[in-house]
Amino acid sequence: MSLEVEAYCNGMPVSVEWLRLNENEIKDLVRDIIMKGALETVQIAKSIVPVKTGRLRDSIQAYERVDGAVVLASAPYAGPVELGHMTRSGSLVPGRHFLAEAARQVIPSIAAEIENCINRYFRGEML
């Protein structure tokens, strides 16, 4: 008994062997797109973060990881500024959400670029 499976992407036949042979190349392309998006997120976050001394703004960085990238602000008070906090007197200081807002602006373009890249790859335009 045998089983034959055919897979198609945008009307193009795709074999398991083809996917295995090209998996690392596709991963590298996607990783590059994600890192580019992370760097763009850093620039937007730096442009909208509240600034008193510049320490928080200057602490915003992007780092490449095996599974993508991470954007973080390493100043000790980054979390309370991003998420909000309670003062000693009990009043709420709302979060400024500079990292979340920057990511919200960039994520759609990252997703579109990844989709476009993979579609072009499967159409054979990037071989």
Protein backbone atom coordinates (compact mmCIF):
# COMPACT_ATOMS: atom_id res chain seq x y z
CA MET A 1 0.00 0.00 0.00
CA SER A 2 1.26 3.47 -0.78
CA LEU A 3 0.11 6.96 -0.17
CA GLU A 4 0.96 9.88 -2.42
CA VAL A 5 0.53 13.43 -1.22
CA GLU A 6 0.80 16.50 -3.40
CA ALA A 7 1.25 19.97 -1.97
CA TYR A 8 0.84 23.26 -3.78
CA CYS A 9 1.72 26.80 -2.86
CA ASN A 10 0.19 29.49 -5.11
CA GLY A 11 -0.48 26.84 -7.73
CA MET A 12 3.12 25.56 -7.76
CA PRO A 13 3.85 21.95 -6.73
CA VAL A 14 6.04 21.71 -3.63
CA SER A 15 7.74 18.48 -2.61
CA VAL A 16 8.86 17.52 0.86
CA GLU A 17 12.39 17.10 -0.50
CA TRP A 18 12.29 20.63 -1.94
CA LEU A 19 11.16 22.02 1.41
CA ARG A 20 13.92 20.14 3.24
CA LEU A 21 16.58 21.37 0.80
CA ASN A 22 15.48 24.99 1.08
CA GLU A 23 14.35 25.17 4.71
CA ASN A 24 17.48 26.93 6.01
CA GLU A 25 17.46 29.45 3.17
CA ILE A 26 13.82 30.31 3.88
CA LYS A 27 14.58 30.59 7.61
CA ASP A 28 17.49 32.95 6.88
CA LEU A 29 15.31 35.15 4.68
CA VAL A 30 12.57 35.33 7.30
CA ARG A 31 15.09 35.97 10.10
CA ASP A 32 16.53 38.90 8.10
CA ILE A 33 13.07 40.39 7.62
CA ILE A 34 12.31 40.04 11.34
CA MET A 35 15.59 41.71 12.32
CA LYS A 36 14.95 44.56 9.90
CA GLY A 37 11.51 44.99 11.51
CA ALA A 38 13.06 44.93 14.98
CA LEU A 39 15.45 47.73 14.01
CA GLU A 40 12.53 49.73 12.62
CA THR A 41 10.65 49.13 15.87
CA VAL A 42 13.63 50.53 17.80
CA GLN A 43 13.62 53.71 15.70
CA ILE A 44 9.88 54.27 16.19
CA ALA A 45 10.06 53.52 19.92
CA LYS A 46 12.94 55.99 20.32
CA SER A 47 10.92 58.65 18.53
CA ILE A 48 7.85 58.28 20.79
CA VAL A 49 9.33 57.39 24.20
CA PRO A 50 9.05 60.16 26.84
CA VAL A 51 12.44 61.78 27.36
CA LYS A 52 13.82 63.52 30.43
CA THR A 53 17.49 62.55 30.41
CA GLY A 54 17.60 60.33 27.31
CA ARG A 55 18.67 57.29 29.34
CA LEU A 56 15.45 55.37 28.61
CA ARG A 57 15.52 56.28 24.91
CA ASP A 58 19.17 55.28 24.61
CA SER A 59 18.50 51.93 26.30
CA ILE A 60 16.12 50.77 23.55
CA GLN A 61 17.90 48.09 21.50
CA ALA A 62 17.19 45.19 19.15
CA TYR A 63 18.94 41.86 19.53
CA GLU A 64 18.98 38.95 17.12
CA ARG A 65 17.98 35.58 18.53
CA VAL A 66 17.99 32.11 17.04
CA ASP A 67 14.21 32.25 16.64
CA GLY A 68 13.95 35.89 15.52
CA ALA A 69 14.65 39.13 17.33
CA VAL A 70 13.79 40.93 20.54
CA VAL A 71 13.38 44.65 21.17
CA LEU A 72 13.85 45.83 24.73
CA ALA A 73 14.47 48.88 26.83
CA SER A 74 17.05 48.10 29.51
CA ALA A 75 16.74 51.22 31.69
CA PRO A 76 15.67 50.13 35.20
CA TYR A 77 12.44 52.14 35.00
CA ALA A 78 11.46 51.02 31.47
CA GLY A 79 8.74 48.65 32.72
CA PRO A 80 6.85 51.20 34.82
CA VAL A 81 7.04 53.78 32.02
CA GLU A 82 5.81 51.24 29.44
CA LEU A 83 3.09 49.63 31.57
CA GLY A 84 2.22 52.29 34.12
CA HIS A 85 2.58 52.26 37.90
CA MET A 86 1.18 53.47 41.18
CA THR A 87 2.82 56.39 42.95
CA ARG A 88 3.62 56.23 46.66
CA SER A 89 0.51 58.32 47.30
CA GLY A 90 -1.60 55.72 45.49
CA SER A 91 -2.40 57.53 42.26
CA LEU A 92 -2.07 55.75 38.94
CA VAL A 93 0.46 56.89 36.37
CA PRO A 94 -0.72 55.41 33.07
CA GLY A 95 1.69 53.51 30.87
CA ARG A 96 3.14 55.22 27.82
CA HIS A 97 3.28 51.97 25.79
CA PHE A 98 6.14 53.18 23.57
CA LEU A 99 7.36 49.64 22.83
CA ALA A 100 3.89 48.20 22.25
CA GLU A 101 2.92 51.10 19.99
CA ALA A 102 6.11 50.83 17.96
CA ALA A 103 5.56 47.08 17.51
CA ARG A 104 1.91 47.66 16.58
CA GLN A 105 3.03 49.96 13.78
CA VAL A 106 5.71 47.62 12.42
CA ILE A 107 4.20 44.12 12.74
CA PRO A 108 1.83 44.40 9.74
CA SER A 109 4.69 45.34 7.41
CA ILE A 110 6.85 42.49 8.76
CA ALA A 111 4.05 39.99 8.15
CA ALA A 112 3.41 41.33 4.64
CA GLU A 113 7.10 41.24 3.76
CA ILE A 114 7.47 37.66 5.02
CA GLU A 115 4.41 36.58 3.04
CA ASN A 116 5.72 38.32 -0.08
CA CYS A 117 9.18 36.81 0.34
CA ILE A 118 7.86 33.28 0.77
CA ASN A 119 5.47 33.66 -2.18
CA ARG A 120 8.32 34.90 -4.38
CA TYR A 121 10.50 32.04 -3.19
CA PHE A 122 7.87 29.42 -4.01
CA ARG A 123 7.29 30.96 -7.44
CA GLY A 124 10.99 30.46 -8.12
CA GLU A 125 11.82 34.15 -8.27
CA MET A 126 14.48 33.89 -5.54
CA LEU A 127 16.22 30.63 -6.45
